[in-house]
Amino acid sequence: MSLYLVIIAWLYVTVMMAVAEATNTNGTVLGAIFTFLLYGLLPLSLVVYLMSTPARRRALKEKEAAAREAARLAAAAKAASDAPDGGGEAPADTVAPVREKP
């Protein structure tokens, strides 16, 4: 939340600098635009990118963990479905094996 306050405050300062540049007798509108871009947007975009790095890293780790969990569940489901009798109980109608006499 405090990052938004810093962003708004810095943009306000740079807009005021650009207005002062544009309304000055020796200033130009082109100078005001460059003042706003070079003092405002460029450094602010760099600061916002660097400040949001931990959030991006945390989101990436959560995404990877979710993918690993999904892969683990899929592997467990595949292993369970590959078993011929996955119920764990003996079949009810078994046929006794026939043994040959030696």
Protein backbone atom coordinates (compact mmCIF):
# COMPACT_ATOMS: atom_id res chain seq x y z
CA MET A 1 0.00 0.00 0.00
CA SER A 2 2.81 2.41 0.77
CA LEU A 3 4.29 1.74 -2.66
CA TYR A 4 1.21 3.28 -4.26
CA LEU A 5 1.60 6.37 -2.08
CA VAL A 6 5.21 6.75 -3.22
CA ILE A 7 4.19 6.33 -6.86
CA ILE A 8 1.44 8.94 -6.63
CA ALA A 9 3.66 11.40 -4.77
CA TRP A 10 6.54 11.04 -7.23
CA LEU A 11 4.24 11.45 -10.23
CA TYR A 12 2.77 14.58 -8.62
CA VAL A 13 6.23 16.06 -8.13
CA THR A 14 7.30 15.33 -11.69
CA VAL A 15 4.06 16.70 -13.15
CA MET A 16 4.62 19.90 -11.18
CA MET A 17 8.21 20.05 -12.47
CA ALA A 18 6.93 19.61 -16.04
CA VAL A 19 4.30 22.31 -15.56
CA ALA A 20 6.94 24.67 -14.20
CA GLU A 21 9.14 23.87 -17.20
CA ALA A 22 6.32 24.49 -19.68
CA THR A 23 5.13 27.75 -18.11
CA ASN A 24 8.57 29.25 -17.58
CA THR A 25 9.52 32.05 -19.96
CA ASN A 26 12.61 30.15 -21.09
CA GLY A 27 10.92 26.73 -20.96
CA THR A 28 9.31 24.72 -23.73
CA VAL A 29 6.62 22.09 -23.93
CA LEU A 30 9.17 19.65 -25.36
CA GLY A 31 11.37 20.30 -22.33
CA ALA A 32 8.39 19.63 -20.07
CA ILE A 33 7.70 16.33 -21.81
CA PHE A 34 11.31 15.23 -21.45
CA THR A 35 11.34 16.37 -17.83
CA PHE A 36 8.29 14.22 -17.10
CA LEU A 37 9.67 11.21 -18.97
CA LEU A 38 13.24 11.32 -17.70
CA TYR A 39 12.54 12.41 -14.11
CA GLY A 40 9.17 10.73 -13.68
CA LEU A 41 8.22 7.71 -15.71
CA LEU A 42 11.62 6.18 -16.41
CA PRO A 43 12.92 6.07 -12.80
CA LEU A 44 9.48 5.24 -11.44
CA SER A 45 9.09 2.26 -13.75
CA LEU A 46 12.49 0.96 -12.64
CA VAL A 47 11.62 1.37 -8.95
CA VAL A 48 8.23 -0.34 -9.37
CA TYR A 49 9.83 -3.22 -11.26
CA LEU A 50 12.47 -3.72 -8.57
CA MET A 51 10.00 -3.37 -5.69
CA SER A 52 7.63 -5.95 -7.19
CA THR A 53 10.35 -8.58 -7.67
CA PRO A 54 9.58 -10.46 -4.40
CA ALA A 55 5.89 -10.70 -5.31
CA ARG A 56 6.72 -12.05 -8.78
CA ARG A 57 9.17 -14.55 -7.28
CA ARG A 58 6.58 -15.70 -4.72
CA ALA A 59 3.94 -16.15 -7.43
CA LEU A 60 6.37 -18.19 -9.54
CA LYS A 61 7.19 -20.48 -6.59
CA GLU A 62 3.48 -20.99 -5.86
CA LYS A 63 2.83 -21.84 -9.51
CA GLU A 64 5.69 -24.35 -9.57
CA ALA A 65 4.49 -25.95 -6.31
CA ALA A 66 0.97 -26.29 -7.72
CA ALA A 67 2.36 -27.88 -10.88
CA ARG A 68 4.44 -30.34 -8.85
CA GLU A 69 1.41 -31.26 -6.72
CA ALA A 70 -0.74 -31.78 -9.81
CA ALA A 71 1.95 -33.97 -11.38
CA ARG A 72 2.23 -35.99 -8.16
CA LEU A 73 -1.54 -36.51 -8.01
CA ALA A 74 -1.66 -37.48 -11.68
CA ALA A 75 1.14 -40.01 -11.17
CA ALA A 76 -0.62 -41.48 -8.13
CA ALA A 77 -3.89 -41.76 -10.04
CA LYS A 78 -2.12 -43.43 -12.97
CA ALA A 79 -0.37 -45.89 -10.66
CA ALA A 80 -3.67 -46.75 -8.99
CA SER A 81 -5.43 -47.29 -12.31
CA ASP A 82 -2.66 -49.54 -13.67
CA ALA A 83 -3.21 -52.15 -10.95
CA PRO A 84 -5.49 -54.99 -12.18
CA ASP A 85 -7.43 -55.16 -8.92
CA GLY A 86 -7.00 -51.87 -7.15
CA GLY A 87 -9.79 -52.59 -4.64
CA GLY A 88 -7.54 -54.41 -2.18
CA GLU A 89 -10.02 -57.25 -1.70
CA ALA A 90 -9.83 -60.76 -2.99
CA PRO A 91 -12.21 -61.63 -5.83
CA ALA A 92 -15.42 -63.30 -4.61
CA ASP A 93 -15.64 -66.07 -7.23
CA THR A 94 -12.22 -67.61 -7.25
CA VAL A 95 -11.51 -70.82 -9.03
CA ALA A 96 -9.32 -73.26 -7.16
CA PRO A 97 -6.14 -74.03 -9.03
CA VAL A 98 -5.86 -77.49 -10.47
CA ARG A 99 -2.74 -79.26 -9.45
CA GLU A 100 -1.22 -81.89 -11.64
CA LYS A 101 -0.10 -85.03 -9.98
CA PRO A 102 3.56 -85.80 -10.39
